[in-house]
Protein backbone atom coordinates (compact mmCIF):
# COMPACT_ATOMS: atom_id res chain seq x y z
CA MET A 1 125.91 112.91 100.75
CA LYS A 2 125.40 115.19 97.47
CA LEU A 3 126.12 119.11 98.40
CA VAL A 4 125.14 121.16 94.71
CA LEU A 5 126.36 124.93 94.73
CA VAL A 6 124.11 127.07 92.32
CA ASN A 7 124.95 130.32 91.14
CA PRO A 8 122.07 131.98 89.67
CA ARG A 9 121.05 133.65 86.76
CA ASN A 10 121.46 137.57 87.04
CA PRO A 11 118.04 138.27 84.62
CA VAL A 12 119.74 141.54 83.34
CA SER A 13 123.07 140.61 82.91
CA LEU A 14 125.25 142.52 81.10
CA TYR A 15 127.59 140.05 80.35
CA GLY A 16 126.61 137.13 78.40
CA ASP A 17 129.50 135.01 77.04
CA TYR A 18 131.97 137.18 79.17
CA LEU A 19 132.43 134.69 81.85
CA TRP A 20 134.52 133.79 84.69
CA GLN A 21 134.63 131.01 87.07
CA PRO A 22 132.56 131.75 90.25
CA LEU A 23 135.58 131.17 92.80
CA ALA A 24 133.93 132.15 96.07
CA LEU A 25 131.92 128.42 95.49
CA ALA A 26 135.30 126.73 94.70
CA TYR A 27 136.53 128.09 97.94
CA ILE A 28 133.22 126.92 99.77
CA ALA A 29 133.69 123.44 97.49
CA ALA A 30 137.66 122.91 98.52
CA ALA A 31 136.27 123.63 101.99
CA THR A 32 133.65 120.99 102.10
CA PRO A 33 134.70 117.67 104.07
CA SER A 34 135.71 114.45 102.44
CA GLY A 35 132.65 112.35 101.64
CA TRP A 36 130.76 114.74 99.95
CA ASP A 37 129.66 115.04 96.40
CA VAL A 38 129.81 118.40 95.41
CA GLU A 39 128.36 119.88 92.12
CA LEU A 40 127.99 123.03 90.68
CA ILE A 41 125.06 124.38 88.52
CA ASP A 42 126.01 128.05 86.99
CA GLU A 43 123.08 129.60 85.68
CA GLN A 44 125.14 132.13 84.05
CA CYS A 45 126.38 129.83 81.61
CA GLU A 46 123.04 126.87 81.47
CA GLY A 47 120.73 129.14 81.55
CA GLN A 48 117.02 128.47 83.24
CA VAL A 49 117.55 124.88 85.16
CA ASP A 50 114.59 122.66 86.45
CA TYR A 51 115.07 122.30 90.09
CA GLU A 52 112.64 119.84 90.26
CA ARG A 53 115.04 117.80 88.96
CA VAL A 54 118.13 118.61 91.25
CA ASP A 55 119.03 116.18 93.41
CA ALA A 56 120.93 117.11 96.63
CA ASP A 57 121.30 117.06 100.48
CA LEU A 58 121.97 119.97 100.47
CA VAL A 59 122.43 123.49 98.71
CA GLY A 60 124.41 126.49 98.85
CA LEU A 61 123.06 129.64 97.43
CA THR A 62 125.50 132.92 96.42
CA ALA A 63 124.04 136.19 94.82
CA PHE A 64 124.59 139.65 93.63
CA THR A 65 122.60 142.01 95.22
CA THR A 66 120.32 142.01 91.45
CA GLN A 67 120.38 137.98 91.45
CA ALA A 68 119.07 137.76 94.77
CA PRO A 69 115.22 137.77 94.12
CA HIS A 70 116.04 134.77 91.55
CA ALA A 71 117.71 133.40 94.48
CA TYR A 72 115.00 133.39 96.91
CA ARG A 73 112.83 131.89 94.32
CA ILE A 74 115.03 129.24 93.48
CA ALA A 75 115.35 128.46 97.66
CA GLN A 76 111.72 128.27 98.03
CA ARG A 77 111.27 125.47 94.95
CA LEU A 78 114.23 123.84 96.20
CA ARG A 79 112.81 124.05 99.86
CA ALA A 80 109.43 122.78 98.71
CA ARG A 81 110.97 119.73 98.11
CA GLY A 82 112.34 119.58 101.35
CA ILE A 83 115.86 120.64 99.93
CA PRO A 84 117.53 122.57 102.75
CA VAL A 85 119.28 125.60 101.42
CA VAL A 86 122.30 128.13 103.12
CA MET A 87 122.33 131.38 101.46
CA GLY A 88 125.80 133.45 101.16
CA GLY A 89 127.70 135.99 99.64
CA ILE A 90 127.68 139.68 99.82
CA HIS A 91 123.84 140.14 99.51
CA ALA A 92 122.96 137.87 101.92
CA SER A 93 126.10 139.23 104.50
CA MET A 94 124.62 142.79 103.80
CA LEU A 95 121.08 141.89 104.20
CA PRO A 96 120.66 138.70 106.58
CA ASP A 97 117.54 139.31 107.94
CA GLU A 98 115.92 139.45 104.84
CA ALA A 99 117.56 136.50 103.58
CA ALA A 100 116.82 134.21 106.57
CA ARG A 101 113.37 134.75 105.33
CA TYR A 102 113.90 132.65 102.58
CA VAL A 103 116.81 129.70 103.42
CA ASP A 104 117.11 127.45 106.07
CA ALA A 105 120.65 129.37 106.93
CA VAL A 106 122.65 132.18 106.06
CA PHE A 107 126.25 132.70 105.83
CA VAL A 108 128.08 136.19 106.45
CA GLY A 109 131.22 136.70 105.40
CA GLU A 110 133.66 134.82 103.97
CA GLY A 111 133.29 130.87 103.95
CA GLU A 112 136.34 128.62 103.89
CA THR A 113 136.90 128.45 107.66
CA VAL A 114 133.35 127.81 109.12
CA TRP A 115 131.96 126.27 106.17
CA PRO A 116 133.26 122.54 107.30
CA GLN A 117 131.19 123.27 111.09
CA LEU A 118 127.91 124.24 109.39
CA VAL A 119 128.61 121.09 106.95
CA ALA A 120 129.56 118.81 110.72
CA ASP A 121 126.36 120.55 111.72
CA PHE A 122 124.17 119.42 108.91
CA GLU A 123 125.37 116.23 109.25
CA SER A 124 124.47 116.05 113.30
CA GLY A 125 121.02 117.50 112.19
CA ASN A 126 122.00 120.79 114.16
CA LEU A 127 121.82 123.22 111.17
CA ARG A 128 122.47 126.64 112.83
CA ALA A 129 119.96 129.79 111.11
CA ARG A 130 122.97 131.99 111.17
CA TYR A 131 126.87 132.00 110.54
CA ILE A 132 129.59 134.00 110.43
CA GLY A 133 132.74 133.75 108.84
CA PRO A 134 135.91 135.97 110.13
CA THR A 135 137.60 138.57 107.24
CA ASN A 136 141.25 138.29 109.64
CA ALA A 137 142.83 135.13 107.92
CA THR A 138 145.94 135.32 105.56
CA ASP A 139 146.26 131.80 104.44
CA MET A 140 143.51 130.77 101.74
CA ILE A 141 142.87 127.29 101.03
CA ARG A 142 143.20 126.39 97.32
CA PRO A 143 139.75 126.03 95.27
CA ASP A 144 138.38 123.34 94.38
CA ARG A 145 138.37 123.59 89.89
CA SER A 146 137.05 120.39 89.30
CA ILE A 147 133.60 122.04 89.53
CA PHE A 148 134.38 124.23 86.58
CA ALA A 149 134.82 120.99 84.50
CA LYS A 150 131.22 121.05 82.71
CA TYR A 151 131.53 124.91 81.77
CA PRO A 152 133.08 126.42 79.08
CA TYR A 153 134.32 129.55 80.77
CA ALA A 154 135.88 132.61 78.81
CA TYR A 155 138.23 132.89 81.79
CA ALA A 156 139.95 130.88 84.74
CA SER A 157 139.67 132.64 87.85
CA ALA A 158 142.33 133.22 90.83
CA GLN A 159 143.29 135.61 93.52
CA THR A 160 146.21 137.08 94.92
CA SER A 161 144.38 139.09 97.60
CA ARG A 162 141.62 140.17 99.60
CA GLY A 163 140.13 143.27 101.00
CA CYS A 164 140.49 146.79 99.25
CA PRO A 165 142.18 149.71 101.18
CA MET A 166 139.59 151.99 99.64
CA ASP A 167 136.99 153.22 101.44
CA CYS A 168 134.23 154.43 98.58
CA SER A 169 130.70 155.46 99.28
CA PHE A 170 129.51 153.55 96.85
CA CYS A 171 131.18 149.87 97.11
CA SER A 172 130.32 147.24 99.68
CA VAL A 173 133.71 145.29 99.03
CA THR A 174 135.27 146.90 102.68
CA ALA A 175 131.94 146.05 104.28
CA PHE A 176 132.38 142.90 103.06
CA ASN A 177 135.85 141.63 103.47
CA GLY A 178 137.06 144.57 105.59
CA ARG A 179 139.50 147.29 104.56
CA LEU A 180 142.79 145.29 105.70
CA PHE A 181 144.27 143.96 102.74
CA ARG A 182 145.52 140.73 102.79
CA MET A 183 148.19 139.35 100.76
CA ARG A 184 148.81 135.67 99.60
CA ASP A 185 152.32 133.99 99.85
CA VAL A 186 153.99 134.54 96.59
CA ASP A 187 154.91 131.34 95.80
CA ASP A 188 151.97 130.18 97.05
CA VAL A 189 150.19 131.84 94.35
CA VAL A 190 152.73 131.07 91.49
CA SER A 191 152.49 127.50 92.24
CA GLU A 192 148.64 127.74 92.05
CA LEU A 193 148.23 129.74 88.94
CA ALA A 194 150.83 127.39 87.31
CA SER A 195 148.42 124.36 87.99
CA ILE A 196 145.37 126.36 86.13
CA PRO A 197 145.16 124.40 82.75
CA GLU A 198 143.34 127.20 80.89
CA ARG A 199 145.70 130.38 78.97
CA ASP A 200 143.13 132.68 79.72
CA VAL A 201 142.87 133.91 83.67
CA ILE A 202 141.16 136.81 85.39
CA LEU A 203 142.64 137.81 89.15
CA VAL A 204 139.56 138.56 91.06
CA ASP A 205 141.28 141.28 93.45
CA ASP A 206 139.11 144.01 94.40
CA ASP A 207 142.80 145.89 94.02
CA LEU A 208 146.05 144.08 92.73
CA ASN A 209 148.30 146.53 93.89
CA GLY A 210 146.75 148.17 96.65
CA PHE A 211 148.00 151.91 98.24
CA SER A 212 151.04 150.82 100.76
CA ARG A 213 154.80 150.59 99.89
CA LYS A 214 154.61 146.97 101.21
CA ALA A 215 151.63 146.24 98.68
CA LYS A 216 153.58 147.09 95.84
CA GLU A 217 156.80 145.35 97.09
CA ARG A 218 154.80 142.14 96.82
CA CYS A 219 153.12 143.13 93.90
CA LEU A 220 156.68 143.53 92.60
CA ALA A 221 157.69 140.39 93.80
CA LEU A 222 154.76 138.40 92.73
CA PHE A 223 155.11 139.29 88.88
CA ARG A 224 159.12 139.03 89.01
CA ALA A 225 158.16 135.45 90.51
CA MET A 226 155.49 135.09 87.74
CA ALA A 227 157.84 136.19 84.95
CA ALA A 228 160.04 133.62 85.98
CA ALA A 229 158.11 130.75 86.12
CA ARG A 230 156.57 131.47 82.49
CA LEU A 231 152.96 130.71 83.51
CA ASP A 232 152.25 131.02 79.63
CA LYS A 233 149.21 133.06 80.97
CA GLN A 234 147.26 135.93 79.48
CA TRP A 235 146.04 137.81 82.65
CA ILE A 236 143.68 140.70 83.38
CA THR A 237 143.02 142.07 86.50
CA GLN A 238 141.49 145.21 88.71
CA VAL A 239 143.72 148.03 89.80
CA THR A 240 143.73 151.44 91.29
CA ILE A 241 145.38 154.30 89.14
CA ASN A 242 148.22 154.74 90.84
CA PHE A 243 149.35 151.01 89.09
CA GLY A 244 150.54 153.65 86.60
CA ASP A 245 152.46 155.92 88.83
CA ASP A 246 155.80 155.04 87.15
CA ASP A 247 156.83 152.37 84.30
CA GLU A 248 158.17 149.58 86.89
CA LEU A 249 154.76 148.33 87.84
CA PRO A 250 152.99 148.27 84.52
CA ARG A 251 156.12 146.86 82.91
CA LEU A 252 156.82 143.97 85.16
CA ALA A 253 152.96 143.10 84.55
CA ARG A 254 153.70 143.04 81.05
CA ALA A 255 156.37 140.58 81.78
CA ALA A 256 154.25 138.45 83.91
CA GLY A 257 151.82 137.93 81.44
CA CYS A 258 149.42 141.32 81.58
CA VAL A 259 147.09 142.03 78.69
CA GLY A 260 144.71 144.18 80.46
CA VAL A 261 143.46 145.95 83.38
CA PHE A 262 139.98 147.41 84.89
CA ILE A 263 140.44 150.85 86.73
CA GLY A 264 137.65 152.76 88.23
CA LEU A 265 138.08 156.23 87.48
CA GLU A 266 134.87 157.24 88.52
CA SER A 267 134.41 160.64 87.20
CA THR A 268 135.74 163.31 85.68
CA ASP A 269 135.65 166.26 87.76
CA THR A 270 137.23 166.25 91.29
CA LYS A 271 134.54 167.70 93.00
CA SER A 272 133.00 164.09 92.78
CA LEU A 273 135.65 162.24 93.37
CA THR A 274 135.56 163.61 96.66
CA LEU A 275 131.99 162.98 97.43
CA ILE A 276 132.45 159.19 96.50
CA ARG A 277 136.03 159.52 98.83
CA LYS A 278 138.29 158.54 96.06
CA ASP A 279 142.27 158.12 96.79
CA GLY A 280 143.48 161.68 97.66
CA THR A 281 145.55 161.79 94.14
CA SER A 282 142.83 161.19 92.25
CA GLN A 283 140.43 164.16 94.34
CA ARG A 284 143.51 166.62 94.34
CA ARG A 285 144.77 166.06 90.04
CA GLY A 286 141.96 164.55 88.59
CA VAL A 287 141.94 163.92 84.89
CA PRO A 288 145.83 165.46 84.60
CA TYR A 289 146.83 162.34 86.31
CA TYR A 290 144.43 159.81 84.74
CA LEU A 291 145.75 160.71 81.63
CA GLU A 292 149.37 160.35 83.04
CA ASN A 293 148.92 157.00 84.55
CA LEU A 294 146.71 155.59 81.84
CA ALA A 295 149.16 156.24 79.23
CA ARG A 296 151.95 154.82 80.85
CA ILE A 297 150.03 151.84 81.23
CA ARG A 298 149.32 151.46 78.11
CA ARG A 299 153.07 152.02 76.64
CA GLN A 300 153.62 148.72 78.26
CA GLY A 301 151.30 146.86 76.28
CA ILE A 302 148.49 146.43 78.63
CA GLY A 303 145.21 147.68 77.41
CA VAL A 304 142.83 149.37 80.23
CA VAL A 305 138.94 149.33 80.50
CA GLY A 306 137.77 152.28 82.52
CA SER A 307 134.72 152.57 84.68
CA PHE A 308 132.63 155.70 85.45
CA ILE A 309 130.11 156.49 87.25
CA ILE A 310 127.04 159.01 86.53
CA GLY A 311 124.61 160.30 88.60
CA ILE A 312 126.68 161.80 91.55
CA ASP A 313 125.25 165.01 93.23
CA THR A 314 128.48 167.11 92.41
CA GLN A 315 128.33 166.49 88.86
CA ASP A 316 127.08 168.63 85.89
CA MET A 317 124.65 166.98 84.35
CA ASN A 318 124.39 168.64 81.37
CA THR A 319 127.91 168.11 80.32
CA ILE A 320 128.83 164.45 82.13
CA ALA A 321 128.35 162.27 79.45
CA ASP A 322 130.19 164.49 77.00
CA ASP A 323 132.76 164.93 79.22
CA ILE A 324 133.06 161.14 79.93
CA LEU A 325 133.35 160.67 76.08
CA ALA A 326 135.60 163.32 75.61
CA PHE A 327 137.75 161.78 78.11
CA THR A 328 137.47 157.83 76.71
CA ASP A 329 138.53 159.85 73.25
CA ASP A 330 141.68 162.01 75.23
CA SER A 331 142.71 159.11 77.08
CA GLU A 332 142.46 156.33 74.16
CA LEU A 333 141.11 154.05 76.54
CA ASP A 334 140.57 150.11 74.96
CA GLY A 335 137.69 149.42 76.77
CA PHE A 336 134.67 150.94 78.97
CA ASN A 337 132.41 150.34 81.62
CA PRO A 338 129.45 152.93 82.28
CA THR A 339 127.51 152.74 85.15
CA ILE A 340 124.79 154.64 86.72
CA LEU A 341 125.11 155.44 91.01
CA THR A 342 123.37 152.94 92.73
CA PRO A 343 122.97 152.39 96.57
CA LEU A 344 123.70 149.09 96.83
CA PRO A 345 123.20 147.59 100.48
CA GLY A 346 125.76 147.84 103.06
CA THR A 347 127.07 151.17 101.69
CA ARG A 348 127.54 154.74 102.72
CA ASP A 349 125.21 155.84 99.67
CA TYR A 350 122.61 153.43 100.92
CA ALA A 351 122.67 154.83 104.27
CA ARG A 352 122.97 158.55 102.80
CA PHE A 353 119.96 158.38 99.87
CA ASP A 354 118.02 155.94 102.59
CA ALA A 355 118.13 158.76 104.94
CA GLU A 356 117.24 161.89 102.27
CA HIS A 357 114.54 159.50 101.08
CA ARG A 358 115.56 159.47 97.68
CA ILE A 359 115.64 156.21 96.96
CA LEU A 360 113.05 155.73 94.80
CA PHE A 361 111.88 151.66 94.36
CA LYS A 362 112.19 149.99 98.30
CA ASN A 363 109.54 146.98 97.54
CA TYR A 364 112.46 144.34 98.09
CA PRO A 365 113.09 141.84 97.86
CA ASP A 366 111.74 142.27 93.91
CA ASP A 367 112.86 145.83 93.69
CA TRP A 368 116.51 144.57 94.06
CA GLU A 369 116.43 143.70 90.40
CA ARG A 370 116.64 146.85 89.18
CA TYR A 371 119.60 147.75 91.08
CA THR A 372 121.57 146.95 87.99
CA LEU A 373 124.27 149.80 87.93
CA ALA A 374 121.91 150.59 84.47
CA PHE A 375 118.86 151.73 85.55
CA PRO A 376 118.45 155.04 87.82
CA VAL A 377 116.87 153.85 91.28
CA THR A 378 117.44 157.50 93.14
CA HIS A 379 116.29 160.31 93.18
CA HIS A 380 118.47 163.29 92.02
CA ASP A 381 117.79 167.33 92.48
CA LYS A 382 119.33 167.78 89.40
CA ILE A 383 117.88 165.69 86.48
CA SER A 384 114.65 163.52 86.36
CA GLY A 385 115.92 159.80 85.83
CA ALA A 386 114.23 159.64 82.45
CA GLY A 387 116.99 162.65 81.27
CA LEU A 388 119.47 160.14 83.79
CA MET A 389 118.84 157.20 81.60
CA ARG A 390 118.87 159.19 78.29
CA ARG A 391 122.70 159.90 79.35
CA TYR A 392 123.68 156.73 79.97
CA VAL A 393 121.75 155.76 76.81
CA GLN A 394 124.65 158.22 75.11
CA LEU A 395 127.14 157.38 77.08
CA LEU A 396 126.29 153.48 75.45
CA GLN A 397 127.29 154.87 72.20
CA PHE A 398 130.83 154.23 72.77
CA PHE A 399 129.91 150.37 71.84
CA ARG A 400 128.41 150.71 68.68
CA PRO A 401 129.76 147.90 66.36
CA GLU A 402 132.09 150.12 64.25
CA ARG A 403 133.47 151.73 67.32
CA ILE A 404 134.72 148.70 68.92
CA ALA A 405 136.13 147.68 65.97
CA GLU A 406 137.71 150.35 65.45
CA ARG A 407 138.73 150.21 69.12
CA TYR A 408 140.21 146.94 68.27
CA TRP A 409 142.68 147.92 65.88
CA ARG A 410 144.08 150.31 67.27
CA THR A 411 144.70 148.94 70.55
CA HIS A 412 146.29 146.29 68.28
CA ASP A 413 148.64 148.88 67.02
CA THR A 414 149.31 151.28 69.82
CA VAL A 415 149.49 149.06 72.74
CA SER A 416 149.80 145.26 71.77
CA PRO A 417 147.20 142.39 69.70
CA GLU A 418 146.83 140.63 73.23
CA ALA A 419 145.44 143.99 74.80
CA ALA A 420 143.73 144.37 72.06
CA TRP A 421 141.67 140.64 72.17
CA HIS A 422 140.66 141.05 75.79
CA ALA A 423 139.58 144.63 75.62
CA PHE A 424 137.14 143.47 72.71
CA LEU A 425 136.02 140.81 74.28
CA TRP A 426 134.59 143.23 77.15
CA ASN A 427 133.35 145.37 74.40
CA ARG A 428 131.50 143.33 72.25
CA VAL A 429 129.28 142.32 75.38
CA TRP A 430 127.96 145.77 76.27
CA SER A 431 127.46 145.96 72.32
CA ASN A 432 125.24 143.00 72.22
CA TYR A 433 123.37 143.96 75.02
CA CYS A 434 122.64 147.45 73.58
CA LEU A 435 121.72 145.85 70.49
CA ARG A 436 119.20 143.24 71.67
CA GLY A 437 117.65 146.46 73.44
CA GLY A 438 117.64 148.77 70.91
CA VAL A 439 119.96 151.42 71.09
CA TYR A 440 121.75 151.68 68.39
CA ARG A 441 118.26 152.60 66.37
CA HIS A 442 118.91 155.88 65.56
CA SER A 443 122.48 155.25 63.89
CA PRO A 444 123.27 156.00 60.38
CA LEU A 445 124.46 152.54 59.82
CA ALA A 446 121.52 150.65 62.03
CA ALA A 447 120.12 148.50 59.13
CA ALA A 448 123.76 147.04 58.55
CA TYR A 449 124.28 146.22 61.75
CA PRO A 450 124.46 142.34 62.89
CA ALA A 451 122.28 140.86 65.30
CA GLU A 452 124.81 140.11 67.58
CA VAL A 453 128.97 141.01 67.18
CA PRO A 454 130.34 137.97 67.00
CA CYS A 455 133.55 136.41 68.91
CA ASP A 456 136.18 136.84 66.20
CA VAL A 457 138.63 139.96 65.20
CA PRO A 458 136.44 142.41 63.35
CA ALA A 459 137.86 143.26 59.94
CA ARG A 460 139.92 146.28 59.96
CA PRO A 461 138.46 149.48 59.32
CA VAL A 462 139.07 150.97 55.49
CA ARG A 463 139.24 154.37 55.53
CA PRO A 464 138.61 156.75 52.13
CA SER A 465 142.41 158.17 51.99
CA LEU A 466 142.39 162.44 52.20
CA PRO A 467 143.86 164.56 49.64
CA PRO A 468 147.03 166.79 50.55
CA ASN A 469 146.59 169.39 52.78
CA THR A 470 143.00 167.94 53.78
CA ILE A 471 143.09 169.24 57.61
CA ALA A 472 141.52 166.38 59.73
CA MET A 473 137.96 166.45 61.20
CA SER A 474 137.24 166.79 64.35
CA ARG A 475 136.17 164.50 66.52
CA PRO A 476 132.24 163.15 65.53
CA SER A 477 129.73 163.98 68.32
CA HIS A 478 128.61 161.25 70.34
CA ARG A 479 125.17 163.30 70.99
CA GLU A 480 124.15 160.69 67.63
CA GLY A 481 120.85 159.35 68.87
CA PRO A 482 118.38 160.21 71.09
CA SER A 483 117.75 163.82 71.79
CA LEU A 484 118.68 164.83 74.97
CA PRO A 485 116.26 167.62 77.38
């Protein structure tokens, strides 16, 4: 029998060719009983698919919120041909009743332990409408990576832990994976990494290092074991800002092959950090704490992509974009992830905004495609949706082609060449997204911009020499572009 696993195309995807393996589907493939042929269709890689030609006895769909409407359309096409469809993933887990209208069975939660029972029920003709996977397992099966062979991913994916000890109001991770921080055995992780043929790996943990002493000690042990194994990997991952509380963690991470980390910094003002319930130290110390830790991480040769949110109620909408862009300069961030506060289903933010009647687009499921983190979907007392979008466009000036080239070489020279390359891969995808959308049409260099920034090392910018005793100019304004109200 044949199982087809589908990762739907996000119609508003920012990521283009910055792709990593959809690891959750490889876990499902590994949990599928022997005797089944398992195939992956990853629309993020191959684009539009003719589902009239898909041959399957059973199809498994996954989806983030913005992918959900398209996933439902795929399910309808397949079911019209008599092919049963099961849907799991974070959106279906948060809204199982909605998903149930479009598929034969909904899988809520983590899949590995219960998936074999679902397959057995299907084989016996007793497929149930809903299955619920537990979140208390500490041992994970090895993913079946053979399903990825057909696609040219930028990164192989692996996972060393599940769950997140934080409980940010905008994030649905704790609703899906729980706040219990489940850490895999170190030797098992190293063995799995050694079996991955690709050099470039993304560790898809929601929070690699955690907050407890136990989590830190496990992280140190993992890095030492990875370094001792001489894996010859370059890897990136997501950590919290306390990763840089001392030199030990980033130093050992670098020795183990770490070249970049993604950190959710979220805002530059402590009131906003308190509202969204970031960790206590960030709430108390804010920007000075961020600057100290980011510098400590980068000194070890690891690049940092910092993620920020605009649209938090406590932010000053007149200054927030300038404040964030000034921080990217002051901290010398190597990469940037700008987002707009978006109340995703299953989060406390969604419950609050919904109770306050502040959600603007509720024609579900179609309107889920608007929930991209790059489009205003809520009413804000201090600013219109158009005004918020103008400030978002202001943030996107970070990714002008000449600026990401300059950042590449700054990171190359001051952090490490490896960090520079992996940060550039991230920044160029945003730059290409902005080029396609005409975001830089007001730039004085717009006429010289390419249609797409190539995936090559950018030319080193040539700066004219200054005469002796010339006072350096202050940093350029980030307000170039659309005028703001």
